[in-house]
Amino acid sequence: MTSVILFAHGSAVEPANEQVRELASRAAGRAGLAAMPVAFLERAQPALPELAASLIREGARKLVVVPYFLSTGSHLGRDLPALVRQIREAYPDVTVEVTRALGQHPLALEAIADLARQGEGG
């Protein structure tokens, strides 16, 4: 079984975290997935290792982590690889993959262009 996880920064403002969870739910539907749970780096729960452990207990043998980040900074360059390493060491029989970040996806450019056009009144 494969589980896809949306990995976000997390906020001290719970409605912001809830918006991410809602987005993940809608994205799961579009992708034909039963669910897309959300893990947070900080300021919200669950953390990635805890969510991974839960999904593995439920039968996941492959985890796909989708970073909900716009750019590759220290969180994607340092923090996420360390968390993935931790999961791989704890569960060597489980495959853990990380996709490119949201901001690296070609449609991110289209979304920004669309917002710019709206700002111009278009």
PDB file of N, CA and C in Angstrom:
ATOM      1  N   MET A   1       0.841  -1.175   0.000  1.00  0.00           N
ATOM      2  CA  MET A   1       0.000   0.000   0.000  1.00  0.00           C
ATOM      3  C   MET A   1       0.892   1.246   0.000  1.00  0.00           C
ATOM      4  N   THR A   2       0.511   2.227  -0.803  1.00  0.00           N
ATOM      5  CA  THR A   2       1.222   3.501  -0.869  1.00  0.00           C
ATOM      6  C   THR A   2       0.394   4.576  -0.190  1.00  0.00           C
ATOM      7  N   SER A   3       1.048   5.387   0.613  1.00  0.00           N
ATOM      8  CA  SER A   3       0.407   6.545   1.237  1.00  0.00           C
ATOM      9  C   SER A   3       1.124   7.803   0.772  1.00  0.00           C
ATOM     10  N   VAL A   4       0.342   8.787   0.368  1.00  0.00           N
ATOM     11  CA  VAL A   4       0.879  10.070  -0.061  1.00  0.00           C
ATOM     12  C   VAL A   4       0.647  11.067   1.059  1.00  0.00           C
ATOM     13  N   ILE A   5       1.705  11.757   1.454  1.00  0.00           N
ATOM     14  CA  ILE A   5       1.667  12.712   2.575  1.00  0.00           C
ATOM     15  C   ILE A   5       1.967  14.106   2.046  1.00  0.00           C
ATOM     16  N   LEU A   6       1.137  15.071   2.386  1.00  0.00           N
ATOM     17  CA  LEU A   6       1.453  16.474   2.108  1.00  0.00           C
ATOM     18  C   LEU A   6       2.246  16.985   3.303  1.00  0.00           C
ATOM     19  N   PHE A   7       3.440  17.493   3.043  1.00  0.00           N
ATOM     20  CA  PHE A   7       4.334  17.954   4.110  1.00  0.00           C
ATOM     21  C   PHE A   7       4.406  19.472   4.078  1.00  0.00           C
ATOM     22  N   ALA A   8       3.922  20.110   5.139  1.00  0.00           N
ATOM     23  CA  ALA A   8       3.855  21.569   5.210  1.00  0.00           C
ATOM     24  C   ALA A   8       4.650  22.084   6.407  1.00  0.00           C
ATOM     25  N   HIS A   9       4.881  23.380   6.409  1.00  0.00           N
ATOM     26  CA  HIS A   9       5.651  24.002   7.490  1.00  0.00           C
ATOM     27  C   HIS A   9       4.930  23.899   8.819  1.00  0.00           C
ATOM     28  N   GLY A  10       3.684  24.300   8.847  1.00  0.00           N
ATOM     29  CA  GLY A  10       2.927  24.364  10.095  1.00  0.00           C
ATOM     30  C   GLY A  10       2.893  25.778  10.621  1.00  0.00           C
ATOM     31  N   SER A  11       1.825  26.096  11.315  1.00  0.00           N
ATOM     32  CA  SER A  11       1.624  27.446  11.816  1.00  0.00           C
ATOM     33  C   SER A  11       1.099  27.412  13.241  1.00  0.00           C
ATOM     34  N   ALA A  12       1.406  28.445  13.990  1.00  0.00           N
ATOM     35  CA  ALA A  12       0.826  28.598  15.322  1.00  0.00           C
ATOM     36  C   ALA A  12      -0.643  28.999  15.224  1.00  0.00           C
ATOM     37  N   VAL A  13      -1.076  29.387  14.036  1.00  0.00           N
ATOM     38  CA  VAL A  13      -2.468  29.779  13.786  1.00  0.00           C
ATOM     39  C   VAL A  13      -3.199  28.555  13.238  1.00  0.00           C
ATOM     40  N   GLU A  14      -3.996  27.921  14.071  1.00  0.00           N
ATOM     41  CA  GLU A  14      -4.624  26.658  13.681  1.00  0.00           C
ATOM     42  C   GLU A  14      -5.497  26.763  12.432  1.00  0.00           C
ATOM     43  N   PRO A  15      -6.227  27.846  12.206  1.00  0.00           N
ATOM     44  CA  PRO A  15      -6.986  27.914  10.942  1.00  0.00           C
ATOM     45  C   PRO A  15      -6.093  27.802   9.700  1.00  0.00           C
ATOM     46  N   ALA A  16      -4.864  28.257   9.780  1.00  0.00           N
ATOM     47  CA  ALA A  16      -3.943  28.105   8.651  1.00  0.00           C
ATOM     48  C   ALA A  16      -3.612  26.634   8.425  1.00  0.00           C
ATOM     49  N   ASN A  17      -3.409  25.879   9.489  1.00  0.00           N
ATOM     50  CA  ASN A  17      -3.148  24.444   9.363  1.00  0.00           C
ATOM     51  C   ASN A  17      -4.373  23.728   8.809  1.00  0.00           C
ATOM     52  N   GLU A  18      -5.524  24.154   9.226  1.00  0.00           N
ATOM     53  CA  GLU A  18      -6.765  23.546   8.743  1.00  0.00           C
ATOM     54  C   GLU A  18      -6.953  23.807   7.246  1.00  0.00           C
ATOM     55  N   GLN A  19      -6.522  24.972   6.765  1.00  0.00           N
ATOM     56  CA  GLN A  19      -6.591  25.247   5.328  1.00  0.00           C
ATOM     57  C   GLN A  19      -5.717  24.265   4.553  1.00  0.00           C
ATOM     58  N   VAL A  20      -4.551  23.946   5.095  1.00  0.00           N
ATOM     59  CA  VAL A  20      -3.661  22.988   4.439  1.00  0.00           C
ATOM     60  C   VAL A  20      -4.314  21.605   4.436  1.00  0.00           C
ATOM     61  N   ARG A  21      -4.919  21.217   5.526  1.00  0.00           N
ATOM     62  CA  ARG A  21      -5.597  19.915   5.589  1.00  0.00           C
ATOM     63  C   ARG A  21      -6.737  19.847   4.572  1.00  0.00           C
ATOM     64  N   GLU A  22      -7.484  20.928   4.447  1.00  0.00           N
ATOM     65  CA  GLU A  22      -8.588  20.976   3.479  1.00  0.00           C
ATOM     66  C   GLU A  22      -8.056  20.886   2.054  1.00  0.00           C
ATOM     67  N   LEU A  23      -6.983  21.591   1.770  1.00  0.00           N
ATOM     68  CA  LEU A  23      -6.361  21.516   0.452  1.00  0.00           C
ATOM     69  C   LEU A  23      -5.915  20.085   0.155  1.00  0.00           C
ATOM     70  N   ALA A  24      -5.302  19.435   1.124  1.00  0.00           N
ATOM     71  CA  ALA A  24      -4.851  18.053   0.942  1.00  0.00           C
ATOM     72  C   ALA A  24      -6.032  17.126   0.672  1.00  0.00           C
ATOM     73  N   SER A  25      -7.120  17.347   1.350  1.00  0.00           N
ATOM     74  CA  SER A  25      -8.315  16.533   1.145  1.00  0.00           C
ATOM     75  C   SER A  25      -8.848  16.698  -0.273  1.00  0.00           C
ATOM     76  N   ARG A  26      -8.910  17.940  -0.741  1.00  0.00           N
ATOM     77  CA  ARG A  26      -9.391  18.205  -2.101  1.00  0.00           C
ATOM     78  C   ARG A  26      -8.411  17.646  -3.138  1.00  0.00           C
ATOM     79  N   ALA A  27      -7.113  17.774  -2.879  1.00  0.00           N
ATOM     80  CA  ALA A  27      -6.100  17.237  -3.796  1.00  0.00           C
ATOM     81  C   ALA A  27      -6.185  15.715  -3.860  1.00  0.00           C
ATOM     82  N   ALA A  28      -6.423  15.075  -2.734  1.00  0.00           N
ATOM     83  CA  ALA A  28      -6.571  13.622  -2.719  1.00  0.00           C
ATOM     84  C   ALA A  28      -7.720  13.201  -3.626  1.00  0.00           C
ATOM     85  N   GLY A  29      -8.824  13.920  -3.536  1.00  0.00           N
ATOM     86  CA  GLY A  29      -9.967  13.614  -4.387  1.00  0.00           C
ATOM     87  C   GLY A  29      -9.630  13.744  -5.857  1.00  0.00           C
ATOM     88  N   ARG A  30      -8.931  14.806  -6.207  1.00  0.00           N
ATOM     89  CA  ARG A  30      -8.532  15.021  -7.606  1.00  0.00           C
ATOM     90  C   ARG A  30      -7.569  13.947  -8.090  1.00  0.00           C
ATOM     91  N   ALA A  31      -6.730  13.454  -7.183  1.00  0.00           N
ATOM     92  CA  ALA A  31      -5.722  12.448  -7.542  1.00  0.00           C
ATOM     93  C   ALA A  31      -6.275  11.025  -7.492  1.00  0.00           C
ATOM     94  N   GLY A  32      -7.516  10.895  -7.053  1.00  0.00           N
ATOM     95  CA  GLY A  32      -8.101   9.568  -6.942  1.00  0.00           C
ATOM     96  C   GLY A  32      -7.613   8.788  -5.734  1.00  0.00           C
ATOM     97  N   LEU A  33      -7.163   9.503  -4.718  1.00  0.00           N
ATOM     98  CA  LEU A  33      -6.685   8.875  -3.488  1.00  0.00           C
ATOM     99  C   LEU A  33      -7.779   8.901  -2.438  1.00  0.00           C
ATOM    100  N   ALA A  34      -7.789   7.902  -1.590  1.00  0.00           N
ATOM    101  CA  ALA A  34      -8.757   7.877  -0.497  1.00  0.00           C
ATOM    102  C   ALA A  34      -8.497   9.013   0.491  1.00  0.00           C
ATOM    103  N   ALA A  35      -7.218   9.337   0.679  1.00  0.00           N
ATOM    104  CA  ALA A  35      -6.844  10.390   1.628  1.00  0.00           C
ATOM    105  C   ALA A  35      -5.438  10.864   1.309  1.00  0.00           C
ATOM    106  N   MET A  36      -5.117  12.060   1.783  1.00  0.00           N
ATOM    107  CA  MET A  36      -3.759  12.588   1.734  1.00  0.00           C
ATOM    108  C   MET A  36      -3.519  13.270   3.077  1.00  0.00           C
ATOM    109  N   PRO A  37      -3.027  12.516   4.051  1.00  0.00           N
ATOM    110  CA  PRO A  37      -2.798  13.121   5.360  1.00  0.00           C
ATOM    111  C   PRO A  37      -1.698  14.175   5.282  1.00  0.00           C
ATOM    112  N   VAL A  38      -1.735  15.090   6.239  1.00  0.00           N
ATOM    113  CA  VAL A  38      -0.775  16.189   6.287  1.00  0.00           C
ATOM    114  C   VAL A  38       0.137  16.010   7.491  1.00  0.00           C
ATOM    115  N   ALA A  39       1.427  16.191   7.261  1.00  0.00           N
ATOM    116  CA  ALA A  39       2.416  16.228   8.342  1.00  0.00           C
ATOM    117  C   ALA A  39       3.031  17.618   8.348  1.00  0.00           C
ATOM    118  N   PHE A  40       3.425  18.066   9.514  1.00  0.00           N
ATOM    119  CA  PHE A  40       3.982  19.405   9.658  1.00  0.00           C
ATOM    120  C   PHE A  40       5.411  19.349  10.173  1.00  0.00           C
ATOM    121  N   LEU A  41       6.196  20.317   9.743  1.00  0.00           N
ATOM    122  CA  LEU A  41       7.579  20.430  10.203  1.00  0.00           C
ATOM    123  C   LEU A  41       7.627  20.945  11.636  1.00  0.00           C
ATOM    124  N   GLU A  42       6.843  21.962  11.919  1.00  0.00           N
ATOM    125  CA  GLU A  42       6.845  22.549  13.260  1.00  0.00           C
ATOM    126  C   GLU A  42       5.535  23.287  13.502  1.00  0.00           C
ATOM    127  N   ARG A  43       5.276  23.585  14.757  1.00  0.00           N
ATOM    128  CA  ARG A  43       4.144  24.385  15.208  1.00  0.00           C
ATOM    129  C   ARG A  43       2.777  23.733  15.034  1.00  0.00           C
ATOM    130  N   ALA A  44       2.742  22.516  14.506  1.00  0.00           N
ATOM    131  CA  ALA A  44       1.480  21.792  14.350  1.00  0.00           C
ATOM    132  C   ALA A  44       1.783  20.305  14.346  1.00  0.00           C
ATOM    133  N   GLN A  45       0.762  19.530  14.548  1.00  0.00           N
ATOM    134  CA  GLN A  45       0.897  18.073  14.595  1.00  0.00           C
ATOM    135  C   GLN A  45      -0.031  17.454  13.560  1.00  0.00           C
ATOM    136  N   PRO A  46       0.318  16.293  13.071  1.00  0.00           N
ATOM    137  CA  PRO A  46       1.425  15.431  13.462  1.00  0.00           C
ATOM    138  C   PRO A  46       2.718  15.805  12.740  1.00  0.00           C
ATOM    139  N   ALA A  47       3.820  15.447  13.352  1.00  0.00           N
ATOM    140  CA  ALA A  47       5.124  15.587  12.708  1.00  0.00           C
ATOM    141  C   ALA A  47       5.278  14.438  11.710  1.00  0.00           C
ATOM    142  N   LEU A  48       6.168  14.601  10.756  1.00  0.00           N
ATOM    143  CA  LEU A  48       6.341  13.598   9.713  1.00  0.00           C
ATOM    144  C   LEU A  48       6.691  12.205  10.256  1.00  0.00           C
ATOM    145  N   PRO A  49       7.644  12.074  11.173  1.00  0.00           N
ATOM    146  CA  PRO A  49       7.960  10.718  11.667  1.00  0.00           C
ATOM    147  C   PRO A  49       6.775  10.036  12.354  1.00  0.00           C
ATOM    148  N   GLU A  50       5.997  10.798  13.097  1.00  0.00           N
ATOM    149  CA  GLU A  50       4.839  10.218  13.789  1.00  0.00           C
ATOM    150  C   GLU A  50       3.762   9.790  12.792  1.00  0.00           C
ATOM    151  N   LEU A  51       3.502  10.624  11.797  1.00  0.00           N
ATOM    152  CA  LEU A  51       2.506  10.261  10.793  1.00  0.00           C
ATOM    153  C   LEU A  51       2.986   9.043  10.004  1.00  0.00           C
ATOM    154  N   ALA A  52       4.260   9.032   9.633  1.00  0.00           N
ATOM    155  CA  ALA A  52       4.808   7.887   8.907  1.00  0.00           C
ATOM    156  C   ALA A  52       4.629   6.602   9.711  1.00  0.00           C
ATOM    157  N   ALA A  53       4.941   6.640  10.993  1.00  0.00           N
ATOM    158  CA  ALA A  53       4.803   5.460  11.851  1.00  0.00           C
ATOM    159  C   ALA A  53       3.358   4.973  11.874  1.00  0.00           C
ATOM    160  N   SER A  54       2.430   5.898  11.966  1.00  0.00           N
ATOM    161  CA  SER A  54       1.014   5.543  11.988  1.00  0.00           C
ATOM    162  C   SER A  54       0.590   4.891  10.675  1.00  0.00           C
ATOM    163  N   LEU A  55       1.011   5.469   9.561  1.00  0.00           N
ATOM    164  CA  LEU A  55       0.646   4.913   8.254  1.00  0.00           C
ATOM    165  C   LEU A  55       1.281   3.544   8.034  1.00  0.00           C
ATOM    166  N   ILE A  56       2.488   3.366   8.508  1.00  0.00           N
ATOM    167  CA  ILE A  56       3.163   2.072   8.379  1.00  0.00           C
ATOM    168  C   ILE A  56       2.456   1.024   9.227  1.00  0.00           C
ATOM    169  N   ARG A  57       2.031   1.401  10.430  1.00  0.00           N
ATOM    170  CA  ARG A  57       1.255   0.470  11.270  1.00  0.00           C
ATOM    171  C   ARG A  57      -0.032   0.055  10.575  1.00  0.00           C
ATOM    172  N   GLU A  58      -0.600   0.961   9.756  1.00  0.00           N
ATOM    173  CA  GLU A  58      -1.841   0.667   9.030  1.00  0.00           C
ATOM    174  C   GLU A  58      -1.591  -0.115   7.742  1.00  0.00           C
ATOM    175  N   GLY A  59      -0.324  -0.386   7.424  1.00  0.00           N
ATOM    176  CA  GLY A  59      -0.021  -1.227   6.281  1.00  0.00           C
ATOM    177  C   GLY A  59       0.729  -0.577   5.134  1.00  0.00           C
ATOM    178  N   ALA A  60       1.056   0.707   5.227  1.00  0.00           N
ATOM    179  CA  ALA A  60       1.790   1.376   4.142  1.00  0.00           C
ATOM    180  C   ALA A  60       3.177   0.761   4.000  1.00  0.00           C
ATOM    181  N   ARG A  61       3.576   0.497   2.765  1.00  0.00           N
ATOM    182  CA  ARG A  61       4.910  -0.011   2.486  1.00  0.00           C
ATOM    183  C   ARG A  61       5.686   0.964   1.614  1.00  0.00           C
ATOM    184  N   LYS A  62       4.994   2.007   1.171  1.00  0.00           N
ATOM    185  CA  LYS A  62       5.637   3.074   0.417  1.00  0.00           C
ATOM    186  C   LYS A  62       5.001   4.384   0.842  1.00  0.00           C
ATOM    187  N   LEU A  63       5.857   5.356   1.133  1.00  0.00           N
ATOM    188  CA  LEU A  63       5.408   6.700   1.486  1.00  0.00           C
ATOM    189  C   LEU A  63       5.916   7.658   0.423  1.00  0.00           C
ATOM    190  N   VAL A  64       5.031   8.493  -0.061  1.00  0.00           N
ATOM    191  CA  VAL A  64       5.405   9.540  -1.009  1.00  0.00           C
ATOM    192  C   VAL A  64       5.143  10.872  -0.314  1.00  0.00           C
ATOM    193  N   VAL A  65       6.193  11.650  -0.102  1.00  0.00           N
ATOM    194  CA  VAL A  65       6.089  12.925   0.605  1.00  0.00           C
ATOM    195  C   VAL A  65       6.074  14.047  -0.439  1.00  0.00           C
ATOM    196  N   VAL A  66       5.021  14.848  -0.398  1.00  0.00           N
ATOM    197  CA  VAL A  66       4.857  15.978  -1.314  1.00  0.00           C
ATOM    198  C   VAL A  66       5.101  17.258  -0.514  1.00  0.00           C
ATOM    199  N   PRO A  67       6.228  17.936  -0.727  1.00  0.00           N
ATOM    200  CA  PRO A  67       6.520  19.154   0.031  1.00  0.00           C
ATOM    201  C   PRO A  67       5.659  20.339  -0.426  1.00  0.00           C
ATOM    202  N   TYR A  68       4.906  20.875   0.500  1.00  0.00           N
ATOM    203  CA  TYR A  68       4.060  22.046   0.252  1.00  0.00           C
ATOM    204  C   TYR A  68       4.883  23.293   0.614  1.00  0.00           C
ATOM    205  N   PHE A  69       5.953  23.495  -0.155  1.00  0.00           N
ATOM    206  CA  PHE A  69       6.878  24.610   0.041  1.00  0.00           C
ATOM    207  C   PHE A  69       7.112  25.255  -1.316  1.00  0.00           C
ATOM    208  N   LEU A  70       7.375  26.547  -1.315  1.00  0.00           N
ATOM    209  CA  LEU A  70       7.566  27.253  -2.574  1.00  0.00           C
ATOM    210  C   LEU A  70       9.001  27.265  -3.066  1.00  0.00           C
ATOM    211  N   SER A  71       9.953  27.168  -2.161  1.00  0.00           N
ATOM    212  CA  SER A  71      11.346  27.217  -2.588  1.00  0.00           C
ATOM    213  C   SER A  71      12.181  26.246  -1.757  1.00  0.00           C
ATOM    214  N   THR A  72      13.346  25.937  -2.283  1.00  0.00           N
ATOM    215  CA  THR A  72      14.250  25.018  -1.600  1.00  0.00           C
ATOM    216  C   THR A  72      15.167  25.815  -0.688  1.00  0.00           C
ATOM    217  N   GLY A  73      14.786  25.877   0.569  1.00  0.00           N
ATOM    218  CA  GLY A  73      15.609  26.536   1.575  1.00  0.00           C
ATOM    219  C   GLY A  73      16.095  25.496   2.563  1.00  0.00           C
ATOM    220  N   SER A  74      16.357  25.921   3.773  1.00  0.00           N
ATOM    221  CA  SER A  74      16.906  24.998   4.767  1.00  0.00           C
ATOM    222  C   SER A  74      15.916  23.894   5.145  1.00  0.00           C
ATOM    223  N   HIS A  75      14.622  24.185   5.082  1.00  0.00           N
ATOM    224  CA  HIS A  75      13.656  23.141   5.450  1.00  0.00           C
ATOM    225  C   HIS A  75      13.692  21.978   4.463  1.00  0.00           C
ATOM    226  N   LEU A  76      13.782  22.285   3.167  1.00  0.00           N
ATOM    227  CA  LEU A  76      13.843  21.216   2.174  1.00  0.00           C
ATOM    228  C   LEU A  76      15.249  20.706   1.958  1.00  0.00           C
ATOM    229  N   GLY A  77      16.229  21.555   2.176  1.00  0.00           N
ATOM    230  CA  GLY A  77      17.616  21.157   1.960  1.00  0.00           C
ATOM    231  C   GLY A  77      18.235  20.417   3.128  1.00  0.00           C
ATOM    232  N   ARG A  78      17.721  20.674   4.329  1.00  0.00           N
ATOM    233  CA  ARG A  78      18.320  20.080   5.526  1.00  0.00           C
ATOM    234  C   ARG A  78      17.293  19.310   6.355  1.00  0.00           C
ATOM    235  N   ASP A  79      16.203  19.967   6.719  1.00  0.00           N
ATOM    236  CA  ASP A  79      15.257  19.366   7.666  1.00  0.00           C
ATOM    237  C   ASP A  79      14.530  18.153   7.098  1.00  0.00           C
ATOM    238  N   LEU A  80      13.960  18.291   5.891  1.00  0.00           N
ATOM    239  CA  LEU A  80      13.222  17.168   5.320  1.00  0.00           C
ATOM    240  C   LEU A  80      14.127  15.964   5.058  1.00  0.00           C
ATOM    241  N   PRO A  81      15.305  16.138   4.466  1.00  0.00           N
ATOM    242  CA  PRO A  81      16.170  14.961   4.290  1.00  0.00           C
ATOM    243  C   PRO A  81      16.508  14.257   5.613  1.00  0.00           C
ATOM    244  N   ALA A  82      16.695  15.017   6.675  1.00  0.00           N
ATOM    245  CA  ALA A  82      16.987  14.407   7.982  1.00  0.00           C
ATOM    246  C   ALA A  82      15.788  13.598   8.480  1.00  0.00           C
ATOM    247  N   LEU A  83      14.590  14.116   8.288  1.00  0.00           N
ATOM    248  CA  LEU A  83      13.387  13.387   8.704  1.00  0.00           C
ATOM    249  C   LEU A  83      13.194  12.125   7.874  1.00  0.00           C
ATOM    250  N   VAL A  84      13.434  12.227   6.578  1.00  0.00           N
ATOM    251  CA  VAL A  84      13.304  11.056   5.703  1.00  0.00           C
ATOM    252  C   VAL A  84      14.337   9.999   6.088  1.00  0.00           C
ATOM    253  N   ARG A  85      15.555  10.411   6.380  1.00  0.00           N
ATOM    254  CA  ARG A  85      16.597   9.486   6.824  1.00  0.00           C
ATOM    255  C   ARG A  85      16.162   8.766   8.110  1.00  0.00           C
ATOM    256  N   GLN A  86      15.588   9.524   9.032  1.00  0.00           N
ATOM    257  CA  GLN A  86      15.108   8.952  10.293  1.00  0.00           C
ATOM    258  C   GLN A  86      14.052   7.878  10.035  1.00  0.00           C
ATOM    259  N   ILE A  87      13.131   8.154   9.137  1.00  0.00           N
ATOM    260  CA  ILE A  87      12.075   7.184   8.817  1.00  0.00           C
ATOM    261  C   ILE A  87      12.675   5.952   8.144  1.00  0.00           C
ATOM    262  N   ARG A  88      13.564   6.167   7.183  1.00  0.00           N
ATOM    263  CA  ARG A  88      14.190   5.042   6.474  1.00  0.00           C
ATOM    264  C   ARG A  88      14.986   4.152   7.422  1.00  0.00           C
ATOM    265  N   GLU A  89      15.672   4.752   8.389  1.00  0.00           N
ATOM    266  CA  GLU A  89      16.440   3.962   9.354  1.00  0.00           C
ATOM    267  C   GLU A  89      15.521   3.168  10.278  1.00  0.00           C
ATOM    268  N   ALA A  90      14.408   3.765  10.671  1.00  0.00           N
ATOM    269  CA  ALA A  90      13.474   3.088  11.568  1.00  0.00           C
ATOM    270  C   ALA A  90      12.681   1.996  10.849  1.00  0.00           C
ATOM    271  N   TYR A  91      12.457   2.171   9.540  1.00  0.00           N
ATOM    272  CA  TYR A  91      11.629   1.242   8.758  1.00  0.00           C
ATOM    273  C   TYR A  91      12.342   0.896   7.449  1.00  0.00           C
ATOM    274  N   PRO A  92      13.398   0.090   7.518  1.00  0.00           N
ATOM    275  CA  PRO A  92      14.190  -0.184   6.318  1.00  0.00           C
ATOM    276  C   PRO A  92      13.425  -0.916   5.211  1.00  0.00           C
ATOM    277  N   ASP A  93      12.315  -1.555   5.529  1.00  0.00           N
ATOM    278  CA  ASP A  93      11.541  -2.274   4.519  1.00  0.00           C
ATOM    279  C   ASP A  93      10.500  -1.380   3.832  1.00  0.00           C
ATOM    280  N   VAL A  94      10.451  -0.122   4.216  1.00  0.00           N
ATOM    281  CA  VAL A  94       9.489   0.816   3.643  1.00  0.00           C
ATOM    282  C   VAL A  94      10.221   1.761   2.697  1.00  0.00           C
ATOM    283  N   THR A  95       9.645   1.974   1.530  1.00  0.00           N
ATOM    284  CA  THR A  95      10.196   2.918   0.562  1.00  0.00           C
ATOM    285  C   THR A  95       9.663   4.309   0.875  1.00  0.00           C
ATOM    286  N   VAL A  96      10.562   5.285   0.919  1.00  0.00           N
ATOM    287  CA  VAL A  96      10.159   6.672   1.151  1.00  0.00           C
ATOM    288  C   VAL A  96      10.682   7.510  -0.010  1.00  0.00           C
ATOM    289  N   GLU A  97       9.765   8.139  -0.726  1.00  0.00           N
ATOM    290  CA  GLU A  97      10.126   9.014  -1.838  1.00  0.00           C
ATOM    291  C   GLU A  97       9.675  10.432  -1.527  1.00  0.00           C
ATOM    292  N   VAL A  98      10.387  11.399  -2.079  1.00  0.00           N
ATOM    293  CA  VAL A  98      10.027  12.803  -1.923  1.00  0.00           C
ATOM    294  C   VAL A  98       9.886  13.394  -3.316  1.00  0.00           C
ATOM    295  N   THR A  99       8.760  14.028  -3.582  1.00  0.00           N
ATOM    296  CA  THR A  99       8.560  14.681  -4.873  1.00  0.00           C
ATOM    297  C   THR A  99       9.223  16.056  -4.848  1.00  0.00           C
ATOM    298  N   ARG A 100       9.230  16.717  -5.975  1.00  0.00           N
ATOM    299  CA  ARG A 100       9.715  18.094  -5.981  1.00  0.00           C
ATOM    300  C   ARG A 100       8.715  18.954  -5.210  1.00  0.00           C
ATOM    301  N   ALA A 101       9.167  20.101  -4.783  1.00  0.00           N
ATOM    302  CA  ALA A 101       8.324  21.011  -3.996  1.00  0.00           C
ATOM    303  C   ALA A 101       7.286  21.682  -4.890  1.00  0.00           C
ATOM    304  N   LEU A 102       6.238  22.139  -4.280  1.00  0.00           N
ATOM    305  CA  LEU A 102       5.164  22.819  -4.997  1.00  0.00           C
ATOM    306  C   LEU A 102       5.705  23.931  -5.888  1.00  0.00           C
ATOM    307  N   GLY A 103       6.591  24.750  -5.368  1.00  0.00           N
ATOM    308  CA  GLY A 103       7.121  25.878  -6.133  1.00  0.00           C
ATOM    309  C   GLY A 103       7.964  25.474  -7.319  1.00  0.00           C
ATOM    310  N   GLN A 104       8.390  24.217  -7.372  1.00  0.00           N
ATOM    311  CA  GLN A 104       9.196  23.726  -8.488  1.00  0.00           C
ATOM    312  C   GLN A 104       8.339  23.116  -9.588  1.00  0.00           C
ATOM    313  N   HIS A 105       7.045  22.988  -9.345  1.00  0.00           N
ATOM    314  CA  HIS A 105       6.151  22.389 -10.329  1.00  0.00           C
ATOM    315  C   HIS A 105       5.824  23.413 -11.413  1.00  0.00           C
ATOM    316  N   PRO A 106       5.784  23.012 -12.667  1.00  0.00           N
ATOM    317  CA  PRO A 106       5.502  23.966 -13.747  1.00  0.00           C
ATOM    318  C   PRO A 106       4.174  24.709 -13.592  1.00  0.00           C
ATOM    319  N   LEU A 107       3.189  24.095 -12.984  1.00  0.00           N
ATOM    320  CA  LEU A 107       1.905  24.779 -12.826  1.00  0.00           C
ATOM    321  C   LEU A 107       1.945  25.882 -11.775  1.00  0.00           C
ATOM    322  N   ALA A 108       2.982  25.899 -10.941  1.00  0.00           N
ATOM    323  CA  ALA A 108       3.131  27.008  -9.992  1.00  0.00           C
ATOM    324  C   ALA A 108       3.308  28.309 -10.756  1.00  0.00           C
ATOM    325  N   LEU A 109       4.057  28.268 -11.841  1.00  0.00           N
ATOM    326  CA  LEU A 109       4.237  29.437 -12.698  1.00  0.00           C
ATOM    327  C   LEU A 109       2.898  29.915 -13.251  1.00  0.00           C
ATOM    328  N   GLU A 110       2.081  28.973 -13.678  1.00  0.00           N
ATOM    329  CA  GLU A 110       0.768  29.326 -14.218  1.00  0.00           C
ATOM    330  C   GLU A 110      -0.124  29.948 -13.136  1.00  0.00           C
ATOM    331  N   ALA A 111      -0.059  29.409 -11.928  1.00  0.00           N
ATOM    332  CA  ALA A 111      -0.857  29.959 -10.833  1.00  0.00           C
ATOM    333  C   ALA A 111      -0.433  31.386 -10.513  1.00  0.00           C
ATOM    334  N   ILE A 112       0.868  31.640 -10.498  1.00  0.00           N
ATOM    335  CA  ILE A 112       1.366  32.995 -10.226  1.00  0.00           C
ATOM    336  C   ILE A 112       0.953  33.945 -11.345  1.00  0.00           C
ATOM    337  N   ALA A 113       1.075  33.500 -12.581  1.00  0.00           N
ATOM    338  CA  ALA A 113       0.669  34.329 -13.705  1.00  0.00           C
ATOM    339  C   ALA A 113      -0.820  34.636 -13.637  1.00  0.00           C
ATOM    340  N   ASP A 114      -1.628  33.647 -13.279  1.00  0.00           N
ATOM    341  CA  ASP A 114      -3.068  33.852 -13.162  1.00  0.00           C
ATOM    342  C   ASP A 114      -3.390  34.883 -12.088  1.00  0.00           C
ATOM    343  N   LEU A 115      -2.718  34.797 -10.947  1.00  0.00           N
ATOM    344  CA  LEU A 115      -2.940  35.775  -9.877  1.00  0.00           C
ATOM    345  C   LEU A 115      -2.503  37.166 -10.319  1.00  0.00           C
ATOM    346  N   ALA A 116      -1.407  37.257 -11.068  1.00  0.00           N
ATOM    347  CA  ALA A 116      -0.948  38.549 -11.567  1.00  0.00           C
ATOM    348  C   ALA A 116      -1.966  39.162 -12.526  1.00  0.00           C
ATOM    349  N   ARG A 117      -2.521  38.317 -13.391  1.00  0.00           N
ATOM    350  CA  ARG A 117      -3.551  38.812 -14.322  1.00  0.00           C
ATOM    351  C   ARG A 117      -4.773  39.306 -13.548  1.00  0.00           C
ATOM    352  N   GLN A 118      -5.160  38.598 -12.508  1.00  0.00           N
ATOM    353  CA  GLN A 118      -6.298  39.030 -11.701  1.00  0.00           C
ATOM    354  C   GLN A 118      -6.010  40.369 -11.044  1.00  0.00           C
ATOM    355  N   GLY A 119      -4.766  40.554 -10.626  1.00  0.00           N
ATOM    356  CA  GLY A 119      -4.367  41.808  -9.997  1.00  0.00           C
ATOM    357  C   GLY A 119      -4.412  42.975 -10.960  1.00  0.00           C
ATOM    358  N   GLU A 120      -4.238  42.679 -12.232  1.00  0.00           N
ATOM    359  CA  GLU A 120      -4.311  43.730 -13.247  1.00  0.00           C
ATOM    360  C   GLU A 120      -5.754  44.005 -13.662  1.00  0.00           C
ATOM    361  N   GLY A 121      -6.666  43.245 -13.102  1.00  0.00           N
ATOM    362  CA  GLY A 121      -8.074  43.394 -13.472  1.00  0.00           C
ATOM    363  C   GLY A 121      -8.469  42.458 -14.590  1.00  0.00           C
ATOM    364  N   GLY A 122      -7.539  41.537 -14.954  1.00  0.00           N
ATOM    365  CA  GLY A 122      -7.818  40.618 -16.059  1.00  0.00           C
ATOM    366  C   GLY A 122      -8.297  39.327 -15.573  1.00  0.00           C
TER     367      GLY A 122
END
